[in-house]
């Protein structure tokens, strides 16, 4: 985990409704969805946030899905669907953290 405040901000941005939606995509409970969020934040390359959102998402989706599936035990197909919701939030919060540090 790169930064606990980053994870906290991502979970806050997602909120309870989107965490439940992620849990449904993954076939787990909210705690399992939180574990997937943490694994996603850890799996997203540190260099993200410097490109366009669409470019970053398309470039890292498959490798991130594989890494999250390996760390959590969730099926890659489920993780891939969940990342469609999760990655824009993760990348947005990473960009916010970078702007705040400058």
PDB file of N, CA and C in Angstrom:
ATOM      1  N   UNK A   1       0.845  -1.178   0.000  1.00  0.00           N
ATOM      2  CA  UNK A   1       0.000   0.000   0.000  1.00  0.00           C
ATOM      3  C   UNK A   1       0.881   1.229   0.000  1.00  0.00           C
ATOM      4  N   UNK A   2       0.692   2.076  -0.970  1.00  0.00           N
ATOM      5  CA  UNK A   2       1.509   3.269  -1.105  1.00  0.00           C
ATOM      6  C   UNK A   2       1.235   4.297  -0.035  1.00  0.00           C
ATOM      7  N   UNK A   3      -0.033   4.556   0.250  1.00  0.00           N
ATOM      8  CA  UNK A   3      -0.374   5.702   1.079  1.00  0.00           C
ATOM      9  C   UNK A   3      -1.756   5.451   1.691  1.00  0.00           C
ATOM     10  N   UNK A   4      -1.790   5.355   3.010  1.00  0.00           N
ATOM     11  CA  UNK A   4      -3.070   5.082   3.680  1.00  0.00           C
ATOM     12  C   UNK A   4      -4.074   6.213   3.467  1.00  0.00           C
ATOM     13  N   UNK A   5      -3.594   7.467   3.385  1.00  0.00           N
ATOM     14  CA  UNK A   5      -4.540   8.570   3.158  1.00  0.00           C
ATOM     15  C   UNK A   5      -5.140   8.476   1.761  1.00  0.00           C
ATOM     16  N   UNK A   6      -4.352   7.984   0.799  1.00  0.00           N
ATOM     17  CA  UNK A   6      -4.870   7.779  -0.551  1.00  0.00           C
ATOM     18  C   UNK A   6      -5.993   6.752  -0.523  1.00  0.00           C
ATOM     19  N   UNK A   7      -5.778   5.638   0.150  1.00  0.00           N
ATOM     20  CA  UNK A   7      -6.816   4.611   0.256  1.00  0.00           C
ATOM     21  C   UNK A   7      -8.058   5.177   0.932  1.00  0.00           C
ATOM     22  N   UNK A   8      -7.872   5.916   2.021  1.00  0.00           N
ATOM     23  CA  UNK A   8      -9.011   6.512   2.717  1.00  0.00           C
ATOM     24  C   UNK A   8      -9.797   7.457   1.832  1.00  0.00           C
ATOM     25  N   UNK A   9      -9.081   8.264   1.045  1.00  0.00           N
ATOM     26  CA  UNK A   9      -9.758   9.193   0.142  1.00  0.00           C
ATOM     27  C   UNK A   9     -10.517   8.462  -0.958  1.00  0.00           C
ATOM     28  N   UNK A  10      -9.947   7.380  -1.459  1.00  0.00           N
ATOM     29  CA  UNK A  10     -10.619   6.601  -2.498  1.00  0.00           C
ATOM     30  C   UNK A  10     -11.884   5.954  -1.934  1.00  0.00           C
ATOM     31  N   UNK A  11     -11.779   5.372  -0.744  1.00  0.00           N
ATOM     32  CA  UNK A  11     -12.963   4.753  -0.125  1.00  0.00           C
ATOM     33  C   UNK A  11     -14.035   5.808   0.147  1.00  0.00           C
ATOM     34  N   UNK A  12     -13.624   6.993   0.579  1.00  0.00           N
ATOM     35  CA  UNK A  12     -14.592   8.069   0.821  1.00  0.00           C
ATOM     36  C   UNK A  12     -15.255   8.502  -0.482  1.00  0.00           C
ATOM     37  N   UNK A  13     -14.467   8.613  -1.540  1.00  0.00           N
ATOM     38  CA  UNK A  13     -15.006   9.014  -2.845  1.00  0.00           C
ATOM     39  C   UNK A  13     -15.984   7.965  -3.373  1.00  0.00           C
ATOM     40  N   UNK A  14     -15.672   6.706  -3.163  1.00  0.00           N
ATOM     41  CA  UNK A  14     -16.570   5.641  -3.604  1.00  0.00           C
ATOM     42  C   UNK A  14     -17.877   5.666  -2.825  1.00  0.00           C
ATOM     43  N   UNK A  15     -17.775   5.818  -1.518  1.00  0.00           N
ATOM     44  CA  UNK A  15     -18.963   5.813  -0.677  1.00  0.00           C
ATOM     45  C   UNK A  15     -19.564   4.418  -0.551  1.00  0.00           C
ATOM     46  N   UNK A  16     -20.523   4.313   0.329  1.00  0.00           N
ATOM     47  CA  UNK A  16     -21.142   3.019   0.618  1.00  0.00           C
ATOM     48  C   UNK A  16     -21.858   2.420  -0.589  1.00  0.00           C
ATOM     49  N   UNK A  17     -22.555   3.259  -1.363  1.00  0.00           N
ATOM     50  CA  UNK A  17     -23.317   2.730  -2.500  1.00  0.00           C
ATOM     51  C   UNK A  17     -22.418   2.095  -3.550  1.00  0.00           C
ATOM     52  N   UNK A  18     -21.326   2.771  -3.899  1.00  0.00           N
ATOM     53  CA  UNK A  18     -20.441   2.207  -4.918  1.00  0.00           C
ATOM     54  C   UNK A  18     -19.639   1.026  -4.374  1.00  0.00           C
ATOM     55  N   UNK A  19     -19.336   1.034  -3.073  1.00  0.00           N
ATOM     56  CA  UNK A  19     -18.683  -0.149  -2.496  1.00  0.00           C
ATOM     57  C   UNK A  19     -19.603  -1.358  -2.574  1.00  0.00           C
ATOM     58  N   UNK A  20     -20.895  -1.145  -2.301  1.00  0.00           N
ATOM     59  CA  UNK A  20     -21.848  -2.261  -2.432  1.00  0.00           C
ATOM     60  C   UNK A  20     -21.952  -2.703  -3.888  1.00  0.00           C
ATOM     61  N   UNK A  21     -21.913  -1.746  -4.821  1.00  0.00           N
ATOM     62  CA  UNK A  21     -21.949  -2.094  -6.237  1.00  0.00           C
ATOM     63  C   UNK A  21     -20.712  -2.922  -6.618  1.00  0.00           C
ATOM     64  N   UNK A  22     -19.542  -2.506  -6.141  1.00  0.00           N
ATOM     65  CA  UNK A  22     -18.320  -3.284  -6.371  1.00  0.00           C
ATOM     66  C   UNK A  22     -18.443  -4.676  -5.778  1.00  0.00           C
ATOM     67  N   UNK A  23     -18.965  -4.748  -4.559  1.00  0.00           N
ATOM     68  CA  UNK A  23     -19.149  -6.049  -3.901  1.00  0.00           C
ATOM     69  C   UNK A  23     -20.028  -6.950  -4.756  1.00  0.00           C
ATOM     70  N   UNK A  24     -21.088  -6.393  -5.320  1.00  0.00           N
ATOM     71  CA  UNK A  24     -21.966  -7.172  -6.192  1.00  0.00           C
ATOM     72  C   UNK A  24     -21.251  -7.665  -7.433  1.00  0.00           C
ATOM     73  N   UNK A  25     -20.431  -6.795  -8.047  1.00  0.00           N
ATOM     74  CA  UNK A  25     -19.665  -7.200  -9.233  1.00  0.00           C
ATOM     75  C   UNK A  25     -18.689  -8.323  -8.904  1.00  0.00           C
ATOM     76  N   UNK A  26     -18.135  -8.271  -7.706  1.00  0.00           N
ATOM     77  CA  UNK A  26     -17.123  -9.244  -7.305  1.00  0.00           C
ATOM     78  C   UNK A  26     -17.721 -10.494  -6.660  1.00  0.00           C
ATOM     79  N   UNK A  27     -19.011 -10.453  -6.337  1.00  0.00           N
ATOM     80  CA  UNK A  27     -19.645 -11.586  -5.680  1.00  0.00           C
ATOM     81  C   UNK A  27     -19.168 -11.758  -4.251  1.00  0.00           C
ATOM     82  N   UNK A  28     -19.004 -10.638  -3.544  1.00  0.00           N
ATOM     83  CA  UNK A  28     -18.496 -10.671  -2.179  1.00  0.00           C
ATOM     84  C   UNK A  28     -19.262  -9.667  -1.328  1.00  0.00           C
ATOM     85  N   UNK A  29     -18.794  -9.467  -0.117  1.00  0.00           N
ATOM     86  CA  UNK A  29     -19.401  -8.463   0.757  1.00  0.00           C
ATOM     87  C   UNK A  29     -18.595  -7.163   0.672  1.00  0.00           C
ATOM     88  N   UNK A  30     -19.014  -6.150   1.436  1.00  0.00           N
ATOM     89  CA  UNK A  30     -18.361  -4.844   1.393  1.00  0.00           C
ATOM     90  C   UNK A  30     -16.899  -4.951   1.830  1.00  0.00           C
ATOM     91  N   UNK A  31     -16.603  -5.770   2.825  1.00  0.00           N
ATOM     92  CA  UNK A  31     -15.214  -5.933   3.264  1.00  0.00           C
ATOM     93  C   UNK A  31     -14.359  -6.510   2.137  1.00  0.00           C
ATOM     94  N   UNK A  32     -14.910  -7.450   1.394  1.00  0.00           N
ATOM     95  CA  UNK A  32     -14.198  -7.996   0.242  1.00  0.00           C
ATOM     96  C   UNK A  32     -13.965  -6.936  -0.824  1.00  0.00           C
ATOM     97  N   UNK A  33     -14.947  -6.066  -1.019  1.00  0.00           N
ATOM     98  CA  UNK A  33     -14.788  -4.968  -1.975  1.00  0.00           C
ATOM     99  C   UNK A  33     -13.694  -4.012  -1.508  1.00  0.00           C
ATOM    100  N   UNK A  34     -13.639  -3.736  -0.210  1.00  0.00           N
ATOM    101  CA  UNK A  34     -12.581  -2.873   0.319  1.00  0.00           C
ATOM    102  C   UNK A  34     -11.205  -3.504   0.106  1.00  0.00           C
ATOM    103  N   UNK A  35     -11.123  -4.805   0.268  1.00  0.00           N
ATOM    104  CA  UNK A  35      -9.869  -5.515   0.017  1.00  0.00           C
ATOM    105  C   UNK A  35      -9.470  -5.364  -1.450  1.00  0.00           C
ATOM    106  N   UNK A  36     -10.444  -5.459  -2.343  1.00  0.00           N
ATOM    107  CA  UNK A  36     -10.170  -5.287  -3.770  1.00  0.00           C
ATOM    108  C   UNK A  36      -9.716  -3.857  -4.070  1.00  0.00           C
ATOM    109  N   UNK A  37     -10.295  -2.868  -3.395  1.00  0.00           N
ATOM    110  CA  UNK A  37      -9.873  -1.478  -3.580  1.00  0.00           C
ATOM    111  C   UNK A  37      -8.419  -1.329  -3.146  1.00  0.00           C
ATOM    112  N   UNK A  38      -8.079  -1.868  -1.996  1.00  0.00           N
ATOM    113  CA  UNK A  38      -6.697  -1.784  -1.507  1.00  0.00           C
ATOM    114  C   UNK A  38      -5.736  -2.468  -2.477  1.00  0.00           C
ATOM    115  N   UNK A  39      -6.107  -3.638  -2.966  1.00  0.00           N
ATOM    116  CA  UNK A  39      -5.254  -4.352  -3.921  1.00  0.00           C
ATOM    117  C   UNK A  39      -5.113  -3.563  -5.212  1.00  0.00           C
ATOM    118  N   UNK A  40      -6.175  -2.896  -5.636  1.00  0.00           N
ATOM    119  CA  UNK A  40      -6.126  -2.089  -6.851  1.00  0.00           C
ATOM    120  C   UNK A  40      -5.175  -0.919  -6.679  1.00  0.00           C
ATOM    121  N   UNK A  41      -5.281  -0.225  -5.548  1.00  0.00           N
ATOM    122  CA  UNK A  41      -4.396   0.916  -5.298  1.00  0.00           C
ATOM    123  C   UNK A  41      -2.941   0.451  -5.292  1.00  0.00           C
ATOM    124  N   UNK A  42      -2.693  -0.703  -4.716  1.00  0.00           N
ATOM    125  CA  UNK A  42      -1.326  -1.238  -4.690  1.00  0.00           C
ATOM    126  C   UNK A  42      -0.847  -1.651  -6.076  1.00  0.00           C
ATOM    127  N   UNK A  43      -1.763  -2.096  -6.923  1.00  0.00           N
ATOM    128  CA  UNK A  43      -1.393  -2.611  -8.243  1.00  0.00           C
ATOM    129  C   UNK A  43      -1.265  -1.533  -9.310  1.00  0.00           C
ATOM    130  N   UNK A  44      -1.877  -0.376  -9.092  1.00  0.00           N
ATOM    131  CA  UNK A  44      -1.807   0.695 -10.087  1.00  0.00           C
ATOM    132  C   UNK A  44      -0.387   1.263 -10.078  1.00  0.00           C
ATOM    133  N   UNK A  45       0.252   1.332 -11.238  1.00  0.00           N
ATOM    134  CA  UNK A  45       1.617   1.852 -11.286  1.00  0.00           C
ATOM    135  C   UNK A  45       1.713   3.272 -10.735  1.00  0.00           C
ATOM    136  N   UNK A  46       2.804   3.560 -10.050  1.00  0.00           N
ATOM    137  CA  UNK A  46       3.000   4.871  -9.421  1.00  0.00           C
ATOM    138  C   UNK A  46       3.051   6.003 -10.436  1.00  0.00           C
ATOM    139  N   UNK A  47       3.336   5.703 -11.684  1.00  0.00           N
ATOM    140  CA  UNK A  47       3.463   6.751 -12.696  1.00  0.00           C
ATOM    141  C   UNK A  47       2.122   7.199 -13.265  1.00  0.00           C
ATOM    142  N   UNK A  48       1.016   6.588 -12.838  1.00  0.00           N
ATOM    143  CA  UNK A  48      -0.275   6.978 -13.389  1.00  0.00           C
ATOM    144  C   UNK A  48      -0.647   8.368 -12.913  1.00  0.00           C
ATOM    145  N   UNK A  49      -1.583   8.974 -13.618  1.00  0.00           N
ATOM    146  CA  UNK A  49      -2.007  10.313 -13.277  1.00  0.00           C
ATOM    147  C   UNK A  49      -1.313  11.355 -14.128  1.00  0.00           C
ATOM    148  N   UNK A  50      -0.351  10.934 -14.941  1.00  0.00           N
ATOM    149  CA  UNK A  50       0.377  11.866 -15.801  1.00  0.00           C
ATOM    150  C   UNK A  50      -0.149  11.830 -17.227  1.00  0.00           C
ATOM    151  N   UNK A  51      -1.027  10.932 -17.546  1.00  0.00           N
ATOM    152  CA  UNK A  51      -1.593  10.758 -18.876  1.00  0.00           C
ATOM    153  C   UNK A  51      -3.073  11.114 -18.847  1.00  0.00           C
ATOM    154  N   UNK A  52      -3.719  10.983 -19.995  1.00  0.00           N
ATOM    155  CA  UNK A  52      -5.163  11.144 -20.006  1.00  0.00           C
ATOM    156  C   UNK A  52      -5.786   9.955 -19.295  1.00  0.00           C
ATOM    157  N   UNK A  53      -6.933  10.172 -18.688  1.00  0.00           N
ATOM    158  CA  UNK A  53      -7.614   9.114 -17.943  1.00  0.00           C
ATOM    159  C   UNK A  53      -7.898   7.908 -18.830  1.00  0.00           C
ATOM    160  N   UNK A  54      -8.413   8.137 -20.018  1.00  0.00           N
ATOM    161  CA  UNK A  54      -8.750   7.020 -20.911  1.00  0.00           C
ATOM    162  C   UNK A  54      -7.509   6.236 -21.307  1.00  0.00           C
ATOM    163  N   UNK A  55      -6.425   6.933 -21.581  1.00  0.00           N
ATOM    164  CA  UNK A  55      -5.182   6.262 -21.959  1.00  0.00           C
ATOM    165  C   UNK A  55      -4.624   5.407 -20.838  1.00  0.00           C
ATOM    166  N   UNK A  56      -4.648   5.949 -19.645  1.00  0.00           N
ATOM    167  CA  UNK A  56      -4.135   5.211 -18.487  1.00  0.00           C
ATOM    168  C   UNK A  56      -4.992   3.976 -18.244  1.00  0.00           C
ATOM    169  N   UNK A  57      -6.299   4.153 -18.248  1.00  0.00           N
ATOM    170  CA  UNK A  57      -7.197   3.034 -17.965  1.00  0.00           C
ATOM    171  C   UNK A  57      -7.005   1.917 -18.978  1.00  0.00           C
ATOM    172  N   UNK A  58      -6.943   2.260 -20.250  1.00  0.00           N
ATOM    173  CA  UNK A  58      -6.791   1.199 -21.250  1.00  0.00           C
ATOM    174  C   UNK A  58      -5.434   0.518 -21.136  1.00  0.00           C
ATOM    175  N   UNK A  59      -4.399   1.256 -20.760  1.00  0.00           N
ATOM    176  CA  UNK A  59      -3.056   0.696 -20.673  1.00  0.00           C
ATOM    177  C   UNK A  59      -2.883  -0.213 -19.455  1.00  0.00           C
ATOM    178  N   UNK A  60      -3.539   0.105 -18.340  1.00  0.00           N
ATOM    179  CA  UNK A  60      -3.280  -0.650 -17.111  1.00  0.00           C
ATOM    180  C   UNK A  60      -4.390  -1.615 -16.710  1.00  0.00           C
ATOM    181  N   UNK A  61      -5.518  -1.581 -17.375  1.00  0.00           N
ATOM    182  CA  UNK A  61      -6.657  -2.398 -16.954  1.00  0.00           C
ATOM    183  C   UNK A  61      -6.331  -3.884 -16.842  1.00  0.00           C
ATOM    184  N   UNK A  62      -5.759  -4.452 -17.880  1.00  0.00           N
ATOM    185  CA  UNK A  62      -5.523  -5.903 -17.877  1.00  0.00           C
ATOM    186  C   UNK A  62      -4.500  -6.293 -16.813  1.00  0.00           C
ATOM    187  N   UNK A  63      -3.386  -5.568 -16.749  1.00  0.00           N
ATOM    188  CA  UNK A  63      -2.365  -5.946 -15.769  1.00  0.00           C
ATOM    189  C   UNK A  63      -2.854  -5.705 -14.347  1.00  0.00           C
ATOM    190  N   UNK A  64      -3.627  -4.652 -14.149  1.00  0.00           N
ATOM    191  CA  UNK A  64      -4.175  -4.372 -12.823  1.00  0.00           C
ATOM    192  C   UNK A  64      -5.197  -5.439 -12.445  1.00  0.00           C
ATOM    193  N   UNK A  65      -6.039  -5.828 -13.385  1.00  0.00           N
ATOM    194  CA  UNK A  65      -7.032  -6.877 -13.111  1.00  0.00           C
ATOM    195  C   UNK A  65      -6.347  -8.179 -12.715  1.00  0.00           C
ATOM    196  N   UNK A  66      -5.288  -8.525 -13.422  1.00  0.00           N
ATOM    197  CA  UNK A  66      -4.553  -9.750 -13.082  1.00  0.00           C
ATOM    198  C   UNK A  66      -3.962  -9.664 -11.681  1.00  0.00           C
ATOM    199  N   UNK A  67      -3.352  -8.525 -11.361  1.00  0.00           N
ATOM    200  CA  UNK A  67      -2.718  -8.361 -10.042  1.00  0.00           C
ATOM    201  C   UNK A  67      -3.754  -8.391  -8.924  1.00  0.00           C
ATOM    202  N   UNK A  68      -4.888  -7.716  -9.129  1.00  0.00           N
ATOM    203  CA  UNK A  68      -5.938  -7.689  -8.101  1.00  0.00           C
ATOM    204  C   UNK A  68      -6.530  -9.084  -7.919  1.00  0.00           C
ATOM    205  N   UNK A  69      -6.775  -9.776  -9.022  1.00  0.00           N
ATOM    206  CA  UNK A  69      -7.319 -11.137  -8.928  1.00  0.00           C
ATOM    207  C   UNK A  69      -6.363 -12.051  -8.175  1.00  0.00           C
ATOM    208  N   UNK A  70      -5.070 -11.914  -8.444  1.00  0.00           N
ATOM    209  CA  UNK A  70      -4.085 -12.744  -7.762  1.00  0.00           C
ATOM    210  C   UNK A  70      -4.053 -12.440  -6.264  1.00  0.00           C
ATOM    211  N   UNK A  71      -4.134 -11.164  -5.897  1.00  0.00           N
ATOM    212  CA  UNK A  71      -4.045 -10.779  -4.486  1.00  0.00           C
ATOM    213  C   UNK A  71      -5.315 -11.084  -3.704  1.00  0.00           C
ATOM    214  N   UNK A  72      -6.462 -11.049  -4.385  1.00  0.00           N
ATOM    215  CA  UNK A  72      -7.728 -11.199  -3.664  1.00  0.00           C
ATOM    216  C   UNK A  72      -8.382 -12.560  -3.842  1.00  0.00           C
ATOM    217  N   UNK A  73      -8.044 -13.268  -4.910  1.00  0.00           N
ATOM    218  CA  UNK A  73      -8.685 -14.535  -5.201  1.00  0.00           C
ATOM    219  C   UNK A  73      -9.988 -14.394  -5.971  1.00  0.00           C
ATOM    220  N   UNK A  74     -10.390 -13.165  -6.308  1.00  0.00           N
ATOM    221  CA  UNK A  74     -11.596 -12.957  -7.108  1.00  0.00           C
ATOM    222  C   UNK A  74     -11.295 -13.300  -8.561  1.00  0.00           C
ATOM    223  N   UNK A  75     -12.294 -13.781  -9.304  1.00  0.00           N
ATOM    224  CA  UNK A  75     -12.073 -14.106 -10.710  1.00  0.00           C
ATOM    225  C   UNK A  75     -11.680 -12.864 -11.517  1.00  0.00           C
ATOM    226  N   UNK A  76     -10.752 -13.031 -12.459  1.00  0.00           N
ATOM    227  CA  UNK A  76     -10.275 -11.918 -13.283  1.00  0.00           C
ATOM    228  C   UNK A  76     -11.432 -11.229 -14.001  1.00  0.00           C
ATOM    229  N   UNK A  77     -12.394 -11.997 -14.484  1.00  0.00           N
ATOM    230  CA  UNK A  77     -13.524 -11.407 -15.202  1.00  0.00           C
ATOM    231  C   UNK A  77     -14.314 -10.459 -14.293  1.00  0.00           C
ATOM    232  N   UNK A  78     -14.534 -10.869 -13.059  1.00  0.00           N
ATOM    233  CA  UNK A  78     -15.256 -10.021 -12.097  1.00  0.00           C
ATOM    234  C   UNK A  78     -14.450  -8.784 -11.755  1.00  0.00           C
ATOM    235  N   UNK A  79     -13.159  -8.967 -11.556  1.00  0.00           N
ATOM    236  CA  UNK A  79     -12.289  -7.832 -11.241  1.00  0.00           C
ATOM    237  C   UNK A  79     -12.276  -6.849 -12.403  1.00  0.00           C
ATOM    238  N   UNK A  80     -12.209  -7.339 -13.617  1.00  0.00           N
ATOM    239  CA  UNK A  80     -12.205  -6.457 -14.793  1.00  0.00           C
ATOM    240  C   UNK A  80     -13.458  -5.591 -14.840  1.00  0.00           C
ATOM    241  N   UNK A  81     -14.599  -6.192 -14.562  1.00  0.00           N
ATOM    242  CA  UNK A  81     -15.855  -5.405 -14.542  1.00  0.00           C
ATOM    243  C   UNK A  81     -15.838  -4.392 -13.412  1.00  0.00           C
ATOM    244  N   UNK A  82     -15.344  -4.800 -12.250  1.00  0.00           N
ATOM    245  CA  UNK A  82     -15.292  -3.887 -11.104  1.00  0.00           C
ATOM    246  C   UNK A  82     -14.333  -2.725 -11.369  1.00  0.00           C
ATOM    247  N   UNK A  83     -13.256  -2.990 -12.092  1.00  0.00           N
ATOM    248  CA  UNK A  83     -12.288  -1.931 -12.378  1.00  0.00           C
ATOM    249  C   UNK A  83     -12.865  -0.837 -13.266  1.00  0.00           C
ATOM    250  N   UNK A  84     -13.873  -1.165 -14.052  1.00  0.00           N
ATOM    251  CA  UNK A  84     -14.527  -0.142 -14.867  1.00  0.00           C
ATOM    252  C   UNK A  84     -15.103   0.958 -13.985  1.00  0.00           C
ATOM    253  N   UNK A  85     -15.562   0.592 -12.809  1.00  0.00           N
ATOM    254  CA  UNK A  85     -16.082   1.564 -11.850  1.00  0.00           C
ATOM    255  C   UNK A  85     -14.959   2.145 -10.997  1.00  0.00           C
ATOM    256  N   UNK A  86     -14.031   1.316 -10.609  1.00  0.00           N
ATOM    257  CA  UNK A  86     -13.032   1.694  -9.616  1.00  0.00           C
ATOM    258  C   UNK A  86     -11.872   2.515 -10.160  1.00  0.00           C
ATOM    259  N   UNK A  87     -11.329   2.171 -11.313  1.00  0.00           N
ATOM    260  CA  UNK A  87     -10.130   2.860 -11.794  1.00  0.00           C
ATOM    261  C   UNK A  87     -10.304   4.363 -12.000  1.00  0.00           C
ATOM    262  N   UNK A  88     -11.407   4.831 -12.558  1.00  0.00           N
ATOM    263  CA  UNK A  88     -11.534   6.296 -12.674  1.00  0.00           C
ATOM    264  C   UNK A  88     -11.461   7.003 -11.318  1.00  0.00           C
ATOM    265  N   UNK A  89     -12.038   6.399 -10.298  1.00  0.00           N
ATOM    266  CA  UNK A  89     -11.999   6.993  -8.956  1.00  0.00           C
ATOM    267  C   UNK A  89     -10.575   6.970  -8.420  1.00  0.00           C
ATOM    268  N   UNK A  90      -9.908   5.830  -8.542  1.00  0.00           N
ATOM    269  CA  UNK A  90      -8.528   5.698  -8.055  1.00  0.00           C
ATOM    270  C   UNK A  90      -7.629   6.726  -8.738  1.00  0.00           C
ATOM    271  N   UNK A  91      -7.716   6.818 -10.050  1.00  0.00           N
ATOM    272  CA  UNK A  91      -6.847   7.734 -10.784  1.00  0.00           C
ATOM    273  C   UNK A  91      -7.164   9.194 -10.471  1.00  0.00           C
ATOM    274  N   UNK A  92      -8.428   9.505 -10.273  1.00  0.00           N
ATOM    275  CA  UNK A  92      -8.811  10.865  -9.910  1.00  0.00           C
ATOM    276  C   UNK A  92      -8.241  11.261  -8.551  1.00  0.00           C
ATOM    277  N   UNK A  93      -8.331  10.366  -7.591  1.00  0.00           N
ATOM    278  CA  UNK A  93      -7.815  10.666  -6.256  1.00  0.00           C
ATOM    279  C   UNK A  93      -6.286  10.739  -6.277  1.00  0.00           C
ATOM    280  N   UNK A  94      -5.634   9.886  -7.066  1.00  0.00           N
ATOM    281  CA  UNK A  94      -4.171   9.974  -7.204  1.00  0.00           C
ATOM    282  C   UNK A  94      -3.791  11.348  -7.761  1.00  0.00           C
ATOM    283  N   UNK A  95      -4.502  11.791  -8.781  1.00  0.00           N
ATOM    284  CA  UNK A  95      -4.213  13.109  -9.363  1.00  0.00           C
ATOM    285  C   UNK A  95      -4.436  14.217  -8.333  1.00  0.00           C
ATOM    286  N   UNK A  96      -5.487  14.126  -7.545  1.00  0.00           N
ATOM    287  CA  UNK A  96      -5.746  15.122  -6.498  1.00  0.00           C
ATOM    288  C   UNK A  96      -4.600  15.152  -5.492  1.00  0.00           C
ATOM    289  N   UNK A  97      -4.116  13.982  -5.092  1.00  0.00           N
ATOM    290  CA  UNK A  97      -3.006  13.909  -4.137  1.00  0.00           C
ATOM    291  C   UNK A  97      -1.738  14.535  -4.737  1.00  0.00           C
ATOM    292  N   UNK A  98      -1.501  14.286  -5.999  1.00  0.00           N
ATOM    293  CA  UNK A  98      -0.314  14.870  -6.651  1.00  0.00           C
ATOM    294  C   UNK A  98      -0.415  16.389  -6.704  1.00  0.00           C
ATOM    295  N   UNK A  99      -1.599  16.908  -7.051  1.00  0.00           N
ATOM    296  CA  UNK A  99      -1.774  18.362  -7.104  1.00  0.00           C
ATOM    297  C   UNK A  99      -1.586  18.981  -5.733  1.00  0.00           C
ATOM    298  N   UNK A 100      -2.047  18.312  -4.699  1.00  0.00           N
ATOM    299  CA  UNK A 100      -1.934  18.838  -3.343  1.00  0.00           C
ATOM    300  C   UNK A 100      -0.474  18.880  -2.860  1.00  0.00           C
ATOM    301  N   UNK A 101       0.357  18.005  -3.388  1.00  0.00           N
ATOM    302  CA  UNK A 101       1.770  17.951  -2.976  1.00  0.00           C
ATOM    303  C   UNK A 101       2.630  18.988  -3.681  1.00  0.00           C
ATOM    304  N   UNK A 102       2.137  19.545  -4.774  1.00  0.00           N
ATOM    305  CA  UNK A 102       2.946  20.523  -5.538  1.00  0.00           C
ATOM    306  C   UNK A 102       2.916  21.881  -4.912  1.00  0.00           C
TER     307      UNK A 102
END
